[in-house]
Amino acid sequence: KDMGLDQTMMSSSGQKEYDWRKHARLQQFMSRKWREQNGGKESDDSGALGHLGFNAGDKPLILNRELLDEWEKQIQEGYYSSFAPDGFFWGQQFQEESVKEYKKQDQEACDWARTQLDAGHQIRYTCSW
């Protein structure tokens, strides 16, 4: 498998998970939310690419209802406000195609996450690139 961004959303129920590969705008959105959730700090991986946001080894992003509402708006708007200006390993060069290819899965994952929250489970998003 070539190097690149792998993204996973899972529930504490262990029932199911969603996986993405090189969905750059989803990552841009989730990284922004991760920074907000972690007091504006960059990734613990303070290497040259630390500005791209969290990565494997960092604690996961915890999704709540407010974040899911924002995510759903991103999905509906084609992630217009989450353009990825860089991120070669994220597949930044074909981010438009990824938005279209993953639209149905993104919406399913968002709806699934809501049902998991309603059932009292925690939703986590992690990534590795």
C-alpha atoms as a PDB file:
ATOM      1  CA  LYS A   1       0.000   0.000   0.000  1.00  0.00           C
ATOM      2  CA  ASP A   2       1.384   3.392  -0.932  1.00  0.00           C
ATOM      3  CA  MET A   3       1.870   6.161   1.586  1.00  0.00           C
ATOM      4  CA  GLY A   4      -1.094   8.348   2.157  1.00  0.00           C
ATOM      5  CA  LEU A   5      -3.880   9.406   4.419  1.00  0.00           C
ATOM      6  CA  ASP A   6      -6.029   6.744   6.082  1.00  0.00           C
ATOM      7  CA  GLN A   7      -9.027   8.006   8.052  1.00  0.00           C
ATOM      8  CA  THR A   8     -11.298   6.105  10.436  1.00  0.00           C
ATOM      9  CA  MET A   9     -14.418   6.984  12.394  1.00  0.00           C
ATOM     10  CA  MET A  10     -15.529   4.549  15.059  1.00  0.00           C
ATOM     11  CA  SER A  11     -18.042   4.217  17.856  1.00  0.00           C
ATOM     12  CA  SER A  12     -17.381   3.086  21.408  1.00  0.00           C
ATOM     13  CA  SER A  13     -20.072   0.463  20.711  1.00  0.00           C
ATOM     14  CA  GLY A  14     -17.577  -1.327  18.477  1.00  0.00           C
ATOM     15  CA  GLN A  15     -20.509  -1.999  16.166  1.00  0.00           C
ATOM     16  CA  LYS A  16     -19.105  -0.580  12.948  1.00  0.00           C
ATOM     17  CA  GLU A  17     -16.584   1.871  11.602  1.00  0.00           C
ATOM     18  CA  TYR A  18     -16.132   4.009   8.536  1.00  0.00           C
ATOM     19  CA  ASP A  19     -12.879   4.288   6.623  1.00  0.00           C
ATOM     20  CA  TRP A  20     -11.688   6.772   4.031  1.00  0.00           C
ATOM     21  CA  ARG A  21      -8.489   6.972   1.990  1.00  0.00           C
ATOM     22  CA  LYS A  22      -7.042  10.337   0.981  1.00  0.00           C
ATOM     23  CA  HIS A  23     -10.227  12.387   1.505  1.00  0.00           C
ATOM     24  CA  ALA A  24      -8.312  15.673   1.846  1.00  0.00           C
ATOM     25  CA  ARG A  25     -11.211  18.038   2.528  1.00  0.00           C
ATOM     26  CA  LEU A  26     -12.697  15.774   5.181  1.00  0.00           C
ATOM     27  CA  GLN A  27      -9.259  15.770   6.809  1.00  0.00           C
ATOM     28  CA  GLN A  28      -8.968  19.555   6.535  1.00  0.00           C
ATOM     29  CA  PHE A  29     -12.331  19.931   8.304  1.00  0.00           C
ATOM     30  CA  MET A  30     -11.576  17.320  10.992  1.00  0.00           C
ATOM     31  CA  SER A  31      -8.103  18.792  11.626  1.00  0.00           C
ATOM     32  CA  ARG A  32      -9.650  22.232  12.180  1.00  0.00           C
ATOM     33  CA  LYS A  33     -12.140  20.732  14.639  1.00  0.00           C
ATOM     34  CA  TRP A  34      -9.320  18.814  16.374  1.00  0.00           C
ATOM     35  CA  ARG A  35      -7.373  22.055  16.916  1.00  0.00           C
ATOM     36  CA  GLU A  36     -10.516  23.710  18.350  1.00  0.00           C
ATOM     37  CA  GLN A  37     -11.058  20.735  20.650  1.00  0.00           C
ATOM     38  CA  ASN A  38      -7.430  20.841  21.798  1.00  0.00           C
ATOM     39  CA  GLY A  39      -7.124  24.538  22.591  1.00  0.00           C
ATOM     40  CA  GLY A  40      -5.706  25.600  19.243  1.00  0.00           C
ATOM     41  CA  LYS A  41      -2.533  23.548  19.540  1.00  0.00           C
ATOM     42  CA  GLU A  42      -0.933  21.881  16.554  1.00  0.00           C
ATOM     43  CA  SER A  43      -0.266  18.188  16.352  1.00  0.00           C
ATOM     44  CA  ASP A  44       2.029  16.533  18.918  1.00  0.00           C
ATOM     45  CA  ASP A  45       3.970  15.503  15.816  1.00  0.00           C
ATOM     46  CA  SER A  46       5.823  18.807  15.618  1.00  0.00           C
ATOM     47  CA  GLY A  47       7.841  17.827  12.562  1.00  0.00           C
ATOM     48  CA  ALA A  48       7.891  19.795   9.327  1.00  0.00           C
ATOM     49  CA  LEU A  49       4.301  18.779   8.538  1.00  0.00           C
ATOM     50  CA  GLY A  50       2.843  19.486  11.995  1.00  0.00           C
ATOM     51  CA  HIS A  51       0.875  22.415  10.552  1.00  0.00           C
ATOM     52  CA  LEU A  52      -1.286  19.932   8.622  1.00  0.00           C
ATOM     53  CA  GLY A  53      -2.971  18.925  11.843  1.00  0.00           C
ATOM     54  CA  PHE A  54      -3.268  15.842  13.917  1.00  0.00           C
ATOM     55  CA  ASN A  55      -1.911  12.479  12.904  1.00  0.00           C
ATOM     56  CA  ALA A  56      -1.408   8.991  14.308  1.00  0.00           C
ATOM     57  CA  GLY A  57      -0.232   9.210  17.906  1.00  0.00           C
ATOM     58  CA  ASP A  58      -2.347  12.253  18.689  1.00  0.00           C
ATOM     59  CA  LYS A  59      -5.516  11.735  20.676  1.00  0.00           C
ATOM     60  CA  PRO A  60      -8.606  11.259  18.481  1.00  0.00           C
ATOM     61  CA  LEU A  61     -11.179  13.892  17.626  1.00  0.00           C
ATOM     62  CA  ILE A  62     -14.374  13.344  19.643  1.00  0.00           C
ATOM     63  CA  LEU A  63     -17.488  14.059  17.582  1.00  0.00           C
ATOM     64  CA  ASN A  64     -20.527  15.657  19.233  1.00  0.00           C
ATOM     65  CA  ARG A  65     -23.879  16.737  17.786  1.00  0.00           C
ATOM     66  CA  GLU A  66     -22.703  20.270  17.046  1.00  0.00           C
ATOM     67  CA  LEU A  67     -19.713  18.961  15.114  1.00  0.00           C
ATOM     68  CA  LEU A  68     -21.947  16.540  13.193  1.00  0.00           C
ATOM     69  CA  ASP A  69     -24.226  19.452  12.224  1.00  0.00           C
ATOM     70  CA  GLU A  70     -21.200  21.355  10.924  1.00  0.00           C
ATOM     71  CA  TRP A  71     -19.916  18.271   9.116  1.00  0.00           C
ATOM     72  CA  GLU A  72     -23.279  17.703   7.422  1.00  0.00           C
ATOM     73  CA  LYS A  73     -23.212  21.301   6.165  1.00  0.00           C
ATOM     74  CA  GLN A  74     -19.700  20.677   4.779  1.00  0.00           C
ATOM     75  CA  ILE A  75     -20.945  17.564   2.969  1.00  0.00           C
ATOM     76  CA  GLN A  76     -23.895  19.434   1.451  1.00  0.00           C
ATOM     77  CA  GLU A  77     -21.686  22.345   0.340  1.00  0.00           C
ATOM     78  CA  GLY A  78     -18.932  20.141  -1.127  1.00  0.00           C
ATOM     79  CA  TYR A  79     -16.576  21.110   1.720  1.00  0.00           C
ATOM     80  CA  TYR A  80     -16.364  24.572   0.162  1.00  0.00           C
ATOM     81  CA  SER A  81     -14.782  26.072   3.290  1.00  0.00           C
ATOM     82  CA  SER A  82     -12.388  23.150   3.809  1.00  0.00           C
ATOM     83  CA  PHE A  83     -10.174  23.430   0.735  1.00  0.00           C
ATOM     84  CA  ALA A  84      -6.862  21.638   1.331  1.00  0.00           C
ATOM     85  CA  PRO A  85      -4.091  24.001   0.143  1.00  0.00           C
ATOM     86  CA  ASP A  86      -1.427  21.356   0.673  1.00  0.00           C
ATOM     87  CA  GLY A  87      -1.111  17.789   1.849  1.00  0.00           C
ATOM     88  CA  PHE A  88       0.427  15.579  -0.818  1.00  0.00           C
ATOM     89  CA  PHE A  89      -0.049  12.462   1.342  1.00  0.00           C
ATOM     90  CA  TRP A  90      -3.685  13.471   1.791  1.00  0.00           C
ATOM     91  CA  GLY A  91      -4.452  13.267  -1.915  1.00  0.00           C
ATOM     92  CA  GLN A  92      -4.794  17.049  -2.015  1.00  0.00           C
ATOM     93  CA  GLN A  93      -4.193  16.980  -5.775  1.00  0.00           C
ATOM     94  CA  PHE A  94      -7.489  15.125  -6.402  1.00  0.00           C
ATOM     95  CA  GLN A  95      -9.614  16.539  -3.578  1.00  0.00           C
ATOM     96  CA  GLU A  96     -12.487  17.600  -5.876  1.00  0.00           C
ATOM     97  CA  GLU A  97     -12.941  14.014  -7.076  1.00  0.00           C
ATOM     98  CA  SER A  98     -12.790  12.678  -3.514  1.00  0.00           C
ATOM     99  CA  VAL A  99     -15.570  15.047  -2.413  1.00  0.00           C
ATOM    100  CA  LYS A 100     -17.838  13.615  -5.121  1.00  0.00           C
ATOM    101  CA  GLU A 101     -16.789   9.995  -4.676  1.00  0.00           C
ATOM    102  CA  TYR A 102     -17.271  10.052  -0.905  1.00  0.00           C
ATOM    103  CA  LYS A 103     -20.434  12.185  -0.690  1.00  0.00           C
ATOM    104  CA  LYS A 104     -22.799   9.239  -0.145  1.00  0.00           C
ATOM    105  CA  GLN A 105     -20.461   7.558   2.374  1.00  0.00           C
ATOM    106  CA  ASP A 106     -19.906  10.860   4.213  1.00  0.00           C
ATOM    107  CA  GLN A 107     -23.656  11.338   4.643  1.00  0.00           C
ATOM    108  CA  GLU A 108     -24.149   7.715   5.745  1.00  0.00           C
ATOM    109  CA  ALA A 109     -21.328   8.059   8.270  1.00  0.00           C
ATOM    110  CA  CYS A 110     -22.759  11.313   9.609  1.00  0.00           C
ATOM    111  CA  ASP A 111     -26.240   9.781  10.006  1.00  0.00           C
ATOM    112  CA  TRP A 112     -24.752   6.654  11.613  1.00  0.00           C
ATOM    113  CA  ALA A 113     -22.759   8.777  14.057  1.00  0.00           C
ATOM    114  CA  ARG A 114     -25.962  10.556  15.133  1.00  0.00           C
ATOM    115  CA  THR A 115     -27.683   7.244  15.906  1.00  0.00           C
ATOM    116  CA  GLN A 116     -24.621   6.136  17.871  1.00  0.00           C
ATOM    117  CA  LEU A 117     -24.643   9.354  19.917  1.00  0.00           C
ATOM    118  CA  ASP A 118     -28.389   8.940  20.525  1.00  0.00           C
ATOM    119  CA  ALA A 119     -27.629   5.473  21.902  1.00  0.00           C
ATOM    120  CA  GLY A 120     -25.079   6.970  24.328  1.00  0.00           C
ATOM    121  CA  HIS A 121     -21.882   5.975  22.521  1.00  0.00           C
ATOM    122  CA  GLN A 122     -18.805   8.084  21.884  1.00  0.00           C
ATOM    123  CA  ILE A 123     -17.681   8.725  18.288  1.00  0.00           C
ATOM    124  CA  ARG A 124     -13.980   9.110  17.536  1.00  0.00           C
ATOM    125  CA  TYR A 125     -12.184  10.137  14.349  1.00  0.00           C
ATOM    126  CA  THR A 126      -8.535   9.204  13.837  1.00  0.00           C
ATOM    127  CA  CYS A 127      -6.111   9.401  10.972  1.00  0.00           C
ATOM    128  CA  SER A 128      -2.664   8.348   9.865  1.00  0.00           C
ATOM    129  CA  TRP A 129      -0.636   9.783   7.008  1.00  0.00           C
END
